Amino acid sequence: MDMDLEALALSELKTLRAKVDRAIATYEERKKKEALVELEETARKMGYSLAELTGVSAAKSRKAVAPKYANPENAAETWTGRGRKPKWVEAALASGKSLEDLAI
């Protein structure tokens, strides 16, 4: 690809540089996508899915967990008992209440 850069205006050179920078930045990601498409097509031609061949299963979806605790001052605030304790739970525990007191 031969291009006479000397003949281009400054705005054209800047536009060209921006396009080149973008192409360089996305090069590896584009190549990975192309490889993935090619592998999926080859697997499909052979009667398999790529997930079957690689042993990778689809991501398991998490089921929503029912709340176990509710804020006695605001019933809209609930907690499942998993993860970090909400501030209202910490405040209730600090005031002498137990988790059983907050149970739904």
C-alpha atoms as a PDB file:
ATOM      1  CA  MET A   1       0.000   0.000   0.000  1.00  0.00           C
ATOM      2  CA  ASP A   2       1.770   3.086  -1.221  1.00  0.00           C
ATOM      3  CA  MET A   3       0.468   6.443  -0.137  1.00  0.00           C
ATOM      4  CA  ASP A   4       1.857   9.892  -0.808  1.00  0.00           C
ATOM      5  CA  LEU A   5       1.683  11.335   2.697  1.00  0.00           C
ATOM      6  CA  GLU A   6       3.323  14.558   1.549  1.00  0.00           C
ATOM      7  CA  ALA A   7       0.297  15.348  -0.622  1.00  0.00           C
ATOM      8  CA  LEU A   8      -2.198  15.122   2.270  1.00  0.00           C
ATOM      9  CA  ALA A   9      -3.431  18.129   4.216  1.00  0.00           C
ATOM     10  CA  LEU A  10      -2.830  18.342   7.957  1.00  0.00           C
ATOM     11  CA  SER A  11      -6.469  17.490   8.775  1.00  0.00           C
ATOM     12  CA  GLU A  12      -6.279  14.424   6.503  1.00  0.00           C
ATOM     13  CA  LEU A  13      -3.050  13.308   8.196  1.00  0.00           C
ATOM     14  CA  LYS A  14      -4.628  13.660  11.638  1.00  0.00           C
ATOM     15  CA  THR A  15      -7.689  11.701  10.523  1.00  0.00           C
ATOM     16  CA  LEU A  16      -5.442   9.006   9.076  1.00  0.00           C
ATOM     17  CA  ARG A  17      -3.421   8.849  12.311  1.00  0.00           C
ATOM     18  CA  ALA A  18      -6.606   8.477  14.375  1.00  0.00           C
ATOM     19  CA  LYS A  19      -7.786   5.621  12.143  1.00  0.00           C
ATOM     20  CA  VAL A  20      -4.401   3.894  12.386  1.00  0.00           C
ATOM     21  CA  ASP A  21      -4.318   4.262  16.182  1.00  0.00           C
ATOM     22  CA  ARG A  22      -7.822   2.793  16.414  1.00  0.00           C
ATOM     23  CA  ALA A  23      -6.909  -0.101  14.109  1.00  0.00           C
ATOM     24  CA  ILE A  24      -3.800  -0.883  16.158  1.00  0.00           C
ATOM     25  CA  ALA A  25      -5.716  -0.761  19.426  1.00  0.00           C
ATOM     26  CA  THR A  26      -8.405  -3.176  18.233  1.00  0.00           C
ATOM     27  CA  TYR A  27      -6.181  -5.467  16.131  1.00  0.00           C
ATOM     28  CA  GLU A  28      -5.783  -8.319  18.611  1.00  0.00           C
ATOM     29  CA  GLU A  29      -9.459  -8.318  19.591  1.00  0.00           C
ATOM     30  CA  ARG A  30     -10.518  -8.432  15.927  1.00  0.00           C
ATOM     31  CA  LYS A  31      -8.141 -11.337  15.257  1.00  0.00           C
ATOM     32  CA  LYS A  32      -9.505 -13.256  18.260  1.00  0.00           C
ATOM     33  CA  LYS A  33     -13.062 -12.776  17.009  1.00  0.00           C
ATOM     34  CA  GLU A  34     -12.087 -13.954  13.520  1.00  0.00           C
ATOM     35  CA  ALA A  35     -10.405 -17.056  14.993  1.00  0.00           C
ATOM     36  CA  LEU A  36     -13.444 -17.807  17.145  1.00  0.00           C
ATOM     37  CA  VAL A  37     -15.806 -17.550  14.171  1.00  0.00           C
ATOM     38  CA  GLU A  38     -13.561 -19.857  12.140  1.00  0.00           C
ATOM     39  CA  LEU A  39     -13.360 -22.404  14.964  1.00  0.00           C
ATOM     40  CA  GLU A  40     -17.129 -22.344  15.482  1.00  0.00           C
ATOM     41  CA  GLU A  41     -17.722 -22.913  11.756  1.00  0.00           C
ATOM     42  CA  THR A  42     -15.280 -25.834  11.681  1.00  0.00           C
ATOM     43  CA  ALA A  43     -16.867 -27.423  14.760  1.00  0.00           C
ATOM     44  CA  ARG A  44     -20.357 -26.945  13.294  1.00  0.00           C
ATOM     45  CA  LYS A  45     -19.294 -28.617  10.011  1.00  0.00           C
ATOM     46  CA  MET A  46     -18.128 -31.609  12.035  1.00  0.00           C
ATOM     47  CA  GLY A  47     -21.420 -31.788  13.955  1.00  0.00           C
ATOM     48  CA  TYR A  48     -20.292 -30.311  17.253  1.00  0.00           C
ATOM     49  CA  SER A  49     -20.539 -27.070  19.083  1.00  0.00           C
ATOM     50  CA  LEU A  50     -17.365 -25.353  20.160  1.00  0.00           C
ATOM     51  CA  ALA A  51     -18.485 -25.638  23.788  1.00  0.00           C
ATOM     52  CA  GLU A  52     -18.744 -29.426  23.428  1.00  0.00           C
ATOM     53  CA  LEU A  53     -15.222 -29.681  22.069  1.00  0.00           C
ATOM     54  CA  THR A  54     -13.590 -27.379  24.592  1.00  0.00           C
ATOM     55  CA  GLY A  55     -15.537 -28.637  27.593  1.00  0.00           C
ATOM     56  CA  VAL A  56     -16.662 -25.110  28.380  1.00  0.00           C
ATOM     57  CA  SER A  57     -20.306 -24.928  29.328  1.00  0.00           C
ATOM     58  CA  ALA A  58     -22.513 -21.909  29.104  1.00  0.00           C
ATOM     59  CA  ALA A  59     -22.384 -19.648  32.122  1.00  0.00           C
ATOM     60  CA  LYS A  60     -24.756 -20.797  34.797  1.00  0.00           C
ATOM     61  CA  SER A  61     -27.350 -18.232  35.669  1.00  0.00           C
ATOM     62  CA  ARG A  62     -27.809 -17.419  39.305  1.00  0.00           C
ATOM     63  CA  LYS A  63     -31.205 -17.781  40.815  1.00  0.00           C
ATOM     64  CA  ALA A  64     -32.538 -14.971  42.912  1.00  0.00           C
ATOM     65  CA  VAL A  65     -32.431 -15.731  46.611  1.00  0.00           C
ATOM     66  CA  ALA A  66     -35.396 -14.859  48.764  1.00  0.00           C
ATOM     67  CA  PRO A  67     -34.689 -12.294  51.480  1.00  0.00           C
ATOM     68  CA  LYS A  68     -34.406 -13.638  55.018  1.00  0.00           C
ATOM     69  CA  TYR A  69     -34.195 -10.386  56.941  1.00  0.00           C
ATOM     70  CA  ALA A  70     -36.081  -7.103  56.805  1.00  0.00           C
ATOM     71  CA  ASN A  71     -35.478  -3.744  58.394  1.00  0.00           C
ATOM     72  CA  PRO A  72     -38.161  -3.302  61.079  1.00  0.00           C
ATOM     73  CA  GLU A  73     -38.193   0.453  60.428  1.00  0.00           C
ATOM     74  CA  ASN A  74     -38.484   0.127  56.640  1.00  0.00           C
ATOM     75  CA  ALA A  75     -39.872  -3.171  55.303  1.00  0.00           C
ATOM     76  CA  ALA A  76     -38.678  -2.294  51.796  1.00  0.00           C
ATOM     77  CA  GLU A  77     -35.080  -2.829  52.952  1.00  0.00           C
ATOM     78  CA  THR A  78     -34.309  -6.535  52.934  1.00  0.00           C
ATOM     79  CA  TRP A  79     -31.243  -8.773  53.041  1.00  0.00           C
ATOM     80  CA  THR A  80     -30.768 -12.376  51.941  1.00  0.00           C
ATOM     81  CA  GLY A  81     -28.159 -13.118  54.557  1.00  0.00           C
ATOM     82  CA  ARG A  82     -25.491 -13.442  51.883  1.00  0.00           C
ATOM     83  CA  GLY A  83     -22.661 -11.090  51.212  1.00  0.00           C
ATOM     84  CA  ARG A  84     -21.868  -7.972  53.141  1.00  0.00           C
ATOM     85  CA  LYS A  85     -24.281  -6.880  55.845  1.00  0.00           C
ATOM     86  CA  PRO A  86     -26.257  -3.750  54.999  1.00  0.00           C
ATOM     87  CA  LYS A  87     -25.777  -0.748  57.262  1.00  0.00           C
ATOM     88  CA  TRP A  88     -29.234  -1.165  58.747  1.00  0.00           C
ATOM     89  CA  VAL A  89     -28.352  -4.735  59.818  1.00  0.00           C
ATOM     90  CA  GLU A  90     -25.077  -3.581  61.361  1.00  0.00           C
ATOM     91  CA  ALA A  91     -26.898  -0.761  63.171  1.00  0.00           C
ATOM     92  CA  ALA A  92     -29.547  -3.158  64.500  1.00  0.00           C
ATOM     93  CA  LEU A  93     -26.908  -5.622  65.716  1.00  0.00           C
ATOM     94  CA  ALA A  94     -24.958  -2.792  67.355  1.00  0.00           C
ATOM     95  CA  SER A  95     -28.109  -1.677  69.178  1.00  0.00           C
ATOM     96  CA  GLY A  96     -28.472  -5.119  70.757  1.00  0.00           C
ATOM     97  CA  LYS A  97     -30.851  -6.852  68.347  1.00  0.00           C
ATOM     98  CA  SER A  98     -30.076 -10.293  66.942  1.00  0.00           C
ATOM     99  CA  LEU A  99     -30.499 -11.593  63.404  1.00  0.00           C
ATOM    100  CA  GLU A 100     -33.484 -13.597  64.646  1.00  0.00           C
ATOM    101  CA  ASP A 101     -35.164 -10.290  65.551  1.00  0.00           C
ATOM    102  CA  LEU A 102     -34.785  -9.153  61.944  1.00  0.00           C
ATOM    103  CA  ALA A 103     -35.966 -12.427  60.360  1.00  0.00           C
ATOM    104  CA  ILE A 104     -38.920 -12.245  58.026  1.00  0.00           C
END
